[in-house]
Every structure is written in structure tokens, then in C-alpha cells.
Amino acid sequence: IEEIEIATPQTFFRYTGAYKGSTYGYELETWDSIIPRIVAMEEEQYIKGVRFTGGSAFLGPGYNSTLSGGRAAAIQTLKDMEGDK
């Protein structure tokens, strides 16, 4: 018995509502690449203690970027918590 499932970006969009069907973020543009995102990272924290993470965060799309972005957000949050003492 063999089973094959095919999923396209349209499938992901339909079931998850992910922007353009992207599961790990969206393709970066020149004006919205890693460097401008890192520079503006602190300015884009609109709610104290809440940070973006995942494929749509400052490191951009991809599996590794998603994991690294989560780690960076955790480290920054812990530093913020130390400053509140």
C-alpha cells in the first residue's frame, strides 16, 4: 500500500491562512531584508514583553531562521526580565 499526498502553497493558504501559502515566512524584498529588520528590531516592539518570532521575524524565512529567531527572542526576553528586577 502506498500513499501520496501533494500539497501546494495554495493548500497551505486554504487550511492555515498563511500568507501566500508560506509555512516558514515570506520572501524578503531588498527594502525589507535582514539588515533593515535587525536595525529596526527594538523600534518594532510595540508591546513591552512581546516579540515576533518565526519565519516572519527579523531573520526571514526558512526552517533554520525560524529556530534561530525563536532562540534570539527568548534571549532578548530573558535580558528584559533581568532589567525589570
PDB file of N, CA and C in Angstrom:
ATOM      1  N   ILE A   1       0.853  -1.170   0.000  1.00  0.00           N
ATOM      2  CA  ILE A   1       0.000   0.000   0.000  1.00  0.00           C
ATOM      3  C   ILE A   1       0.894   1.227   0.000  1.00  0.00           C
ATOM      4  N   GLU A   2       0.603   2.112  -0.892  1.00  0.00           N
ATOM      5  CA  GLU A   2       1.385   3.336  -0.997  1.00  0.00           C
ATOM      6  C   GLU A   2       0.441   4.522  -0.976  1.00  0.00           C
ATOM      7  N   GLU A   3       0.848   5.549  -0.291  1.00  0.00           N
ATOM      8  CA  GLU A   3       0.009   6.738  -0.194  1.00  0.00           C
ATOM      9  C   GLU A   3       0.850   7.955  -0.541  1.00  0.00           C
ATOM     10  N   ILE A   4       0.303   8.828  -1.330  1.00  0.00           N
ATOM     11  CA  ILE A   4       0.991  10.048  -1.710  1.00  0.00           C
ATOM     12  C   ILE A   4       0.055  11.216  -1.439  1.00  0.00           C
ATOM     13  N   GLU A   5       0.592  12.222  -0.757  1.00  0.00           N
ATOM     14  CA  GLU A   5      -0.166  13.440  -0.537  1.00  0.00           C
ATOM     15  C   GLU A   5       0.599  14.586  -1.162  1.00  0.00           C
ATOM     16  N   ILE A   6      -0.087  15.392  -1.891  1.00  0.00           N
ATOM     17  CA  ILE A   6       0.543  16.535  -2.544  1.00  0.00           C
ATOM     18  C   ILE A   6      -0.056  17.801  -1.959  1.00  0.00           C
ATOM     19  N   ALA A   7       0.805  18.704  -1.545  1.00  0.00           N
ATOM     20  CA  ALA A   7       0.358  19.985  -1.019  1.00  0.00           C
ATOM     21  C   ALA A   7       1.109  21.099  -1.737  1.00  0.00           C
ATOM     22  N   THR A   8       0.404  22.123  -2.085  1.00  0.00           N
ATOM     23  CA  THR A   8       0.991  23.289  -2.735  1.00  0.00           C
ATOM     24  C   THR A   8       0.839  24.487  -1.799  1.00  0.00           C
ATOM     25  N   PRO A   9       1.461  25.603  -2.109  1.00  0.00           N
ATOM     26  CA  PRO A   9       1.227  26.796  -1.293  1.00  0.00           C
ATOM     27  C   PRO A   9      -0.260  27.150  -1.176  1.00  0.00           C
ATOM     28  N   GLN A  10      -1.021  26.904  -2.234  1.00  0.00           N
ATOM     29  CA  GLN A  10      -2.462  27.171  -2.183  1.00  0.00           C
ATOM     30  C   GLN A  10      -3.138  26.294  -1.127  1.00  0.00           C
ATOM     31  N   THR A  11      -2.680  25.055  -0.971  1.00  0.00           N
ATOM     32  CA  THR A  11      -3.224  24.154   0.051  1.00  0.00           C
ATOM     33  C   THR A  11      -2.952  24.714   1.442  1.00  0.00           C
ATOM     34  N   PHE A  12      -1.715  25.145   1.689  1.00  0.00           N
ATOM     35  CA  PHE A  12      -1.380  25.717   2.993  1.00  0.00           C
ATOM     36  C   PHE A  12      -2.187  26.982   3.270  1.00  0.00           C
ATOM     37  N   PHE A  13      -2.354  27.805   2.245  1.00  0.00           N
ATOM     38  CA  PHE A  13      -3.146  29.027   2.420  1.00  0.00           C
ATOM     39  C   PHE A  13      -4.584  28.682   2.792  1.00  0.00           C
ATOM     40  N   ARG A  14      -5.144  27.723   2.107  1.00  0.00           N
ATOM     41  CA  ARG A  14      -6.540  27.354   2.341  1.00  0.00           C
ATOM     42  C   ARG A  14      -6.755  26.821   3.760  1.00  0.00           C
ATOM     43  N   TYR A  15      -5.866  25.980   4.235  1.00  0.00           N
ATOM     44  CA  TYR A  15      -6.074  25.349   5.544  1.00  0.00           C
ATOM     45  C   TYR A  15      -5.513  26.138   6.725  1.00  0.00           C
ATOM     46  N   THR A  16      -4.465  26.928   6.505  1.00  0.00           N
ATOM     47  CA  THR A  16      -3.852  27.645   7.632  1.00  0.00           C
ATOM     48  C   THR A  16      -3.998  29.150   7.543  1.00  0.00           C
ATOM     49  N   GLY A  17      -4.327  29.656   6.371  1.00  0.00           N
ATOM     50  CA  GLY A  17      -4.418  31.100   6.199  1.00  0.00           C
ATOM     51  C   GLY A  17      -3.048  31.762   6.096  1.00  0.00           C
ATOM     52  N   ALA A  18      -1.992  30.968   5.923  1.00  0.00           N
ATOM     53  CA  ALA A  18      -0.635  31.502   5.838  1.00  0.00           C
ATOM     54  C   ALA A  18      -0.504  32.404   4.612  1.00  0.00           C
ATOM     55  N   TYR A  19       0.161  33.526   4.786  1.00  0.00           N
ATOM     56  CA  TYR A  19       0.342  34.497   3.706  1.00  0.00           C
ATOM     57  C   TYR A  19       0.970  33.843   2.480  1.00  0.00           C
ATOM     58  N   LYS A  20       0.287  33.889   1.373  1.00  0.00           N
ATOM     59  CA  LYS A  20       0.724  33.286   0.107  1.00  0.00           C
ATOM     60  C   LYS A  20       1.076  31.807   0.247  1.00  0.00           C
ATOM     61  N   GLY A  21       0.554  31.154   1.288  1.00  0.00           N
ATOM     62  CA  GLY A  21       0.784  29.729   1.474  1.00  0.00           C
ATOM     63  C   GLY A  21       2.141  29.378   2.022  1.00  0.00           C
ATOM     64  N   SER A  22       2.855  30.368   2.530  1.00  0.00           N
ATOM     65  CA  SER A  22       4.195  30.132   3.050  1.00  0.00           C
ATOM     66  C   SER A  22       4.126  29.618   4.479  1.00  0.00           C
ATOM     67  N   THR A  23       4.791  28.505   4.750  1.00  0.00           N
ATOM     68  CA  THR A  23       4.752  27.937   6.087  1.00  0.00           C
ATOM     69  C   THR A  23       5.882  28.455   6.964  1.00  0.00           C
ATOM     70  N   TYR A  24       6.921  29.003   6.383  1.00  0.00           N
ATOM     71  CA  TYR A  24       8.059  29.482   7.158  1.00  0.00           C
ATOM     72  C   TYR A  24       8.333  30.959   6.925  1.00  0.00           C
ATOM     73  N   GLY A  25       7.349  31.742   6.652  1.00  0.00           N
ATOM     74  CA  GLY A  25       7.535  33.166   6.410  1.00  0.00           C
ATOM     75  C   GLY A  25       7.415  33.474   4.923  1.00  0.00           C
ATOM     76  N   TYR A  26       7.686  34.701   4.559  1.00  0.00           N
ATOM     77  CA  TYR A  26       7.547  35.119   3.169  1.00  0.00           C
ATOM     78  C   TYR A  26       8.888  35.571   2.611  1.00  0.00           C
ATOM     79  N   GLU A  27       8.969  35.608   1.303  1.00  0.00           N
ATOM     80  CA  GLU A  27      10.212  36.000   0.633  1.00  0.00           C
ATOM     81  C   GLU A  27      10.502  37.475   0.907  1.00  0.00           C
ATOM     82  N   LEU A  28      11.723  37.760   1.301  1.00  0.00           N
ATOM     83  CA  LEU A  28      12.104  39.127   1.643  1.00  0.00           C
ATOM     84  C   LEU A  28      12.364  39.959   0.399  1.00  0.00           C
ATOM     85  N   GLU A  29      12.052  41.241   0.505  1.00  0.00           N
ATOM     86  CA  GLU A  29      12.375  42.212  -0.537  1.00  0.00           C
ATOM     87  C   GLU A  29      13.652  42.934  -0.110  1.00  0.00           C
ATOM     88  N   THR A  30      14.290  43.660  -1.015  1.00  0.00           N
ATOM     89  CA  THR A  30      15.526  44.368  -0.705  1.00  0.00           C
ATOM     90  C   THR A  30      15.334  45.353   0.438  1.00  0.00           C
ATOM     91  N   TRP A  31      14.232  46.096   0.423  1.00  0.00           N
ATOM     92  CA  TRP A  31      13.982  47.102   1.451  1.00  0.00           C
ATOM     93  C   TRP A  31      13.566  46.479   2.786  1.00  0.00           C
ATOM     94  N   ASP A  32      13.214  45.194   2.760  1.00  0.00           N
ATOM     95  CA  ASP A  32      12.711  44.510   3.957  1.00  0.00           C
ATOM     96  C   ASP A  32      13.544  43.255   4.212  1.00  0.00           C
ATOM     97  N   SER A  33      14.852  43.397   4.131  1.00  0.00           N
ATOM     98  CA  SER A  33      15.722  42.234   4.305  1.00  0.00           C
ATOM     99  C   SER A  33      16.234  42.176   5.746  1.00  0.00           C
ATOM    100  N   ILE A  34      17.173  41.293   6.000  1.00  0.00           N
ATOM    101  CA  ILE A  34      17.646  41.033   7.363  1.00  0.00           C
ATOM    102  C   ILE A  34      18.248  42.277   8.019  1.00  0.00           C
ATOM    103  N   ILE A  35      19.103  43.016   7.322  1.00  0.00           N
ATOM    104  CA  ILE A  35      19.783  44.170   7.930  1.00  0.00           C
ATOM    105  C   ILE A  35      18.778  45.243   8.370  1.00  0.00           C
ATOM    106  N   PRO A  36      17.868  45.716   7.505  1.00  0.00           N
ATOM    107  CA  PRO A  36      16.895  46.702   7.987  1.00  0.00           C
ATOM    108  C   PRO A  36      16.017  46.174   9.128  1.00  0.00           C
ATOM    109  N   ARG A  37      15.727  44.897   9.127  1.00  0.00           N
ATOM    110  CA  ARG A  37      14.919  44.325  10.202  1.00  0.00           C
ATOM    111  C   ARG A  37      15.675  44.325  11.525  1.00  0.00           C
ATOM    112  N   ILE A  38      16.960  43.977  11.492  1.00  0.00           N
ATOM    113  CA  ILE A  38      17.763  43.976  12.721  1.00  0.00           C
ATOM    114  C   ILE A  38      17.903  45.400  13.253  1.00  0.00           C
ATOM    115  N   VAL A  39      18.127  46.366  12.362  1.00  0.00           N
ATOM    116  CA  VAL A  39      18.268  47.758  12.779  1.00  0.00           C
ATOM    117  C   VAL A  39      16.986  48.255  13.451  1.00  0.00           C
ATOM    118  N   ALA A  40      15.827  47.877  12.930  1.00  0.00           N
ATOM    119  CA  ALA A  40      14.542  48.362  13.448  1.00  0.00           C
ATOM    120  C   ALA A  40      13.913  47.434  14.485  1.00  0.00           C
ATOM    121  N   MET A  41      14.621  46.408  14.911  1.00  0.00           N
ATOM    122  CA  MET A  41      14.042  45.384  15.790  1.00  0.00           C
ATOM    123  C   MET A  41      13.481  45.978  17.080  1.00  0.00           C
ATOM    124  N   GLU A  42      14.226  46.826  17.755  1.00  0.00           N
ATOM    125  CA  GLU A  42      13.760  47.397  19.019  1.00  0.00           C
ATOM    126  C   GLU A  42      12.613  48.387  18.804  1.00  0.00           C
ATOM    127  N   GLU A  43      12.648  49.110  17.692  1.00  0.00           N
ATOM    128  CA  GLU A  43      11.583  50.071  17.385  1.00  0.00           C
ATOM    129  C   GLU A  43      10.254  49.377  17.094  1.00  0.00           C
ATOM    130  N   GLU A  44      10.308  48.155  16.636  1.00  0.00           N
ATOM    131  CA  GLU A  44       9.098  47.428  16.271  1.00  0.00           C
ATOM    132  C   GLU A  44       8.534  46.597  17.417  1.00  0.00           C
ATOM    133  N   GLN A  45       9.031  46.795  18.614  1.00  0.00           N
ATOM    134  CA  GLN A  45       8.456  46.125  19.778  1.00  0.00           C
ATOM    135  C   GLN A  45       7.416  47.081  20.355  1.00  0.00           C
ATOM    136  N   TYR A  46       6.182  46.927  19.889  1.00  0.00           N
ATOM    137  CA  TYR A  46       5.109  47.854  20.238  1.00  0.00           C
ATOM    138  C   TYR A  46       4.492  47.553  21.600  1.00  0.00           C
ATOM    139  N   ILE A  47       4.579  46.310  22.036  1.00  0.00           N
ATOM    140  CA  ILE A  47       4.042  45.905  23.333  1.00  0.00           C
ATOM    141  C   ILE A  47       5.194  45.359  24.152  1.00  0.00           C
ATOM    142  N   LYS A  48       5.426  45.951  25.315  1.00  0.00           N
ATOM    143  CA  LYS A  48       6.546  45.534  26.154  1.00  0.00           C
ATOM    144  C   LYS A  48       6.407  44.053  26.518  1.00  0.00           C
ATOM    145  N   GLY A  49       7.489  43.300  26.319  1.00  0.00           N
ATOM    146  CA  GLY A  49       7.496  41.884  26.660  1.00  0.00           C
ATOM    147  C   GLY A  49       6.989  40.964  25.560  1.00  0.00           C
ATOM    148  N   VAL A  50       6.527  41.527  24.434  1.00  0.00           N
ATOM    149  CA  VAL A  50       6.021  40.703  23.325  1.00  0.00           C
ATOM    150  C   VAL A  50       6.937  40.905  22.124  1.00  0.00           C
ATOM    151  N   ARG A  51       7.471  39.821  21.600  1.00  0.00           N
ATOM    152  CA  ARG A  51       8.373  39.882  20.450  1.00  0.00           C
ATOM    153  C   ARG A  51       7.884  38.939  19.351  1.00  0.00           C
ATOM    154  N   PHE A  52       8.158  39.325  18.117  1.00  0.00           N
ATOM    155  CA  PHE A  52       7.849  38.463  16.993  1.00  0.00           C
ATOM    156  C   PHE A  52       8.899  37.367  16.900  1.00  0.00           C
ATOM    157  N   THR A  53       8.480  36.211  16.477  1.00  0.00           N
ATOM    158  CA  THR A  53       9.409  35.125  16.234  1.00  0.00           C
ATOM    159  C   THR A  53       8.870  34.286  15.082  1.00  0.00           C
ATOM    160  N   GLY A  54       9.654  33.358  14.607  1.00  0.00           N
ATOM    161  CA  GLY A  54       9.213  32.517  13.497  1.00  0.00           C
ATOM    162  C   GLY A  54       9.726  33.022  12.169  1.00  0.00           C
ATOM    163  N   GLY A  55       9.176  32.493  11.093  1.00  0.00           N
ATOM    164  CA  GLY A  55       9.642  32.809   9.753  1.00  0.00           C
ATOM    165  C   GLY A  55       9.378  34.227   9.313  1.00  0.00           C
ATOM    166  N   SER A  56       8.452  34.920   9.950  1.00  0.00           N
ATOM    167  CA  SER A  56       8.158  36.298   9.583  1.00  0.00           C
ATOM    168  C   SER A  56       8.858  37.299  10.483  1.00  0.00           C
ATOM    169  N   ALA A  57       9.762  36.835  11.335  1.00  0.00           N
ATOM    170  CA  ALA A  57      10.503  37.728  12.226  1.00  0.00           C
ATOM    171  C   ALA A  57      11.728  38.284  11.510  1.00  0.00           C
ATOM    172  N   PHE A  58      12.669  38.825  12.264  1.00  0.00           N
ATOM    173  CA  PHE A  58      13.768  39.590  11.678  1.00  0.00           C
ATOM    174  C   PHE A  58      14.739  38.783  10.836  1.00  0.00           C
ATOM    175  N   LEU A  59      14.878  37.473  11.048  1.00  0.00           N
ATOM    176  CA  LEU A  59      15.840  36.679  10.270  1.00  0.00           C
ATOM    177  C   LEU A  59      15.292  36.200   8.924  1.00  0.00           C
ATOM    178  N   GLY A  60      14.001  36.348   8.719  1.00  0.00           N
ATOM    179  CA  GLY A  60      13.421  35.972   7.442  1.00  0.00           C
ATOM    180  C   GLY A  60      12.952  34.531   7.384  1.00  0.00           C
ATOM    181  N   PRO A  61      12.626  34.070   6.177  1.00  0.00           N
ATOM    182  CA  PRO A  61      12.015  32.755   6.022  1.00  0.00           C
ATOM    183  C   PRO A  61      13.016  31.610   6.120  1.00  0.00           C
ATOM    184  N   GLY A  62      12.506  30.436   6.334  1.00  0.00           N
ATOM    185  CA  GLY A  62      13.327  29.240   6.370  1.00  0.00           C
ATOM    186  C   GLY A  62      13.262  28.547   7.712  1.00  0.00           C
ATOM    187  N   TYR A  63      13.525  27.267   7.694  1.00  0.00           N
ATOM    188  CA  TYR A  63      13.445  26.460   8.910  1.00  0.00           C
ATOM    189  C   TYR A  63      14.485  26.904   9.937  1.00  0.00           C
ATOM    190  N   ASN A  64      15.741  27.044   9.515  1.00  0.00           N
ATOM    191  CA  ASN A  64      16.803  27.451  10.434  1.00  0.00           C
ATOM    192  C   ASN A  64      16.577  28.856  10.979  1.00  0.00           C
ATOM    193  N   SER A  65      16.126  29.774  10.123  1.00  0.00           N
ATOM    194  CA  SER A  65      15.847  31.133  10.576  1.00  0.00           C
ATOM    195  C   SER A  65      14.727  31.154  11.604  1.00  0.00           C
ATOM    196  N   THR A  66      13.751  30.288  11.420  1.00  0.00           N
ATOM    197  CA  THR A  66      12.646  30.207  12.372  1.00  0.00           C
ATOM    198  C   THR A  66      13.147  29.764  13.739  1.00  0.00           C
ATOM    199  N   LEU A  67      13.983  28.741  13.777  1.00  0.00           N
ATOM    200  CA  LEU A  67      14.537  28.263  15.041  1.00  0.00           C
ATOM    201  C   LEU A  67      15.467  29.303  15.671  1.00  0.00           C
ATOM    202  N   SER A  68      16.342  29.882  14.879  1.00  0.00           N
ATOM    203  CA  SER A  68      17.284  30.883  15.393  1.00  0.00           C
ATOM    204  C   SER A  68      16.563  32.133  15.876  1.00  0.00           C
ATOM    205  N   GLY A  69      15.524  32.530  15.172  1.00  0.00           N
ATOM    206  CA  GLY A  69      14.739  33.693  15.587  1.00  0.00           C
ATOM    207  C   GLY A  69      14.033  33.459  16.913  1.00  0.00           C
ATOM    208  N   GLY A  70      13.536  32.255  17.140  1.00  0.00           N
ATOM    209  CA  GLY A  70      12.906  31.916  18.412  1.00  0.00           C
ATOM    210  C   GLY A  70      13.902  31.962  19.549  1.00  0.00           C
ATOM    211  N   ARG A  71      15.093  31.459  19.292  1.00  0.00           N
ATOM    212  CA  ARG A  71      16.158  31.489  20.311  1.00  0.00           C
ATOM    213  C   ARG A  71      16.540  32.928  20.634  1.00  0.00           C
ATOM    214  N   ALA A  72      16.701  33.757  19.606  1.00  0.00           N
ATOM    215  CA  ALA A  72      17.067  35.158  19.822  1.00  0.00           C
ATOM    216  C   ALA A  72      15.980  35.903  20.597  1.00  0.00           C
ATOM    217  N   ALA A  73      14.715  35.644  20.276  1.00  0.00           N
ATOM    218  CA  ALA A  73      13.613  36.287  21.001  1.00  0.00           C
ATOM    219  C   ALA A  73      13.602  35.860  22.461  1.00  0.00           C
ATOM    220  N   ALA A  74      13.893  34.590  22.730  1.00  0.00           N
ATOM    221  CA  ALA A  74      13.943  34.102  24.111  1.00  0.00           C
ATOM    222  C   ALA A  74      15.071  34.776  24.881  1.00  0.00           C
ATOM    223  N   ILE A  75      16.242  34.897  24.268  1.00  0.00           N
ATOM    224  CA  ILE A  75      17.383  35.545  24.923  1.00  0.00           C
ATOM    225  C   ILE A  75      17.077  37.005  25.220  1.00  0.00           C
ATOM    226  N   GLN A  76      16.485  37.707  24.253  1.00  0.00           N
ATOM    227  CA  GLN A  76      16.140  39.119  24.463  1.00  0.00           C
ATOM    228  C   GLN A  76      15.093  39.276  25.556  1.00  0.00           C
ATOM    229  N   THR A  77      14.141  38.372  25.604  1.00  0.00           N
ATOM    230  CA  THR A  77      13.106  38.427  26.630  1.00  0.00           C
ATOM    231  C   THR A  77      13.708  38.189  28.011  1.00  0.00           C
ATOM    232  N   LEU A  78      14.618  37.235  28.127  1.00  0.00           N
ATOM    233  CA  LEU A  78      15.279  36.989  29.412  1.00  0.00           C
ATOM    234  C   LEU A  78      16.097  38.200  29.853  1.00  0.00           C
ATOM    235  N   LYS A  79      16.773  38.865  28.912  1.00  0.00           N
ATOM    236  CA  LYS A  79      17.517  40.085  29.241  1.00  0.00           C
ATOM    237  C   LYS A  79      16.572  41.185  29.725  1.00  0.00           C
ATOM    238  N   ASP A  80      15.408  41.304  29.087  1.00  0.00           N
ATOM    239  CA  ASP A  80      14.408  42.278  29.514  1.00  0.00           C
ATOM    240  C   ASP A  80      13.927  41.972  30.932  1.00  0.00           C
ATOM    241  N   MET A  81      13.744  40.697  31.230  1.00  0.00           N
ATOM    242  CA  MET A  81      13.272  40.291  32.558  1.00  0.00           C
ATOM    243  C   MET A  81      14.323  40.606  33.630  1.00  0.00           C
ATOM    244  N   GLU A  82      15.599  40.447  33.306  1.00  0.00           N
ATOM    245  CA  GLU A  82      16.666  40.776  34.246  1.00  0.00           C
ATOM    246  C   GLU A  82      16.691  42.269  34.546  1.00  0.00           C
ATOM    247  N   GLY A  83      16.387  43.079  33.542  1.00  0.00           N
ATOM    248  CA  GLY A  83      16.375  44.529  33.719  1.00  0.00           C
ATOM    249  C   GLY A  83      15.208  45.011  34.567  1.00  0.00           C
ATOM    250  N   ASP A  84      14.131  44.221  34.663  1.00  0.00           N
ATOM    251  CA  ASP A  84      12.943  44.603  35.433  1.00  0.00           C
ATOM    252  C   ASP A  84      13.105  44.364  36.925  1.00  0.00           C
ATOM    253  N   LYS A  85      14.172  43.652  37.335  1.00  0.00           N
ATOM    254  CA  LYS A  85      14.347  43.327  38.762  1.00  0.00           C
ATOM    255  C   LYS A  85      14.708  44.535  39.579  1.00  0.00           C
TER     256      LYS A  85
END
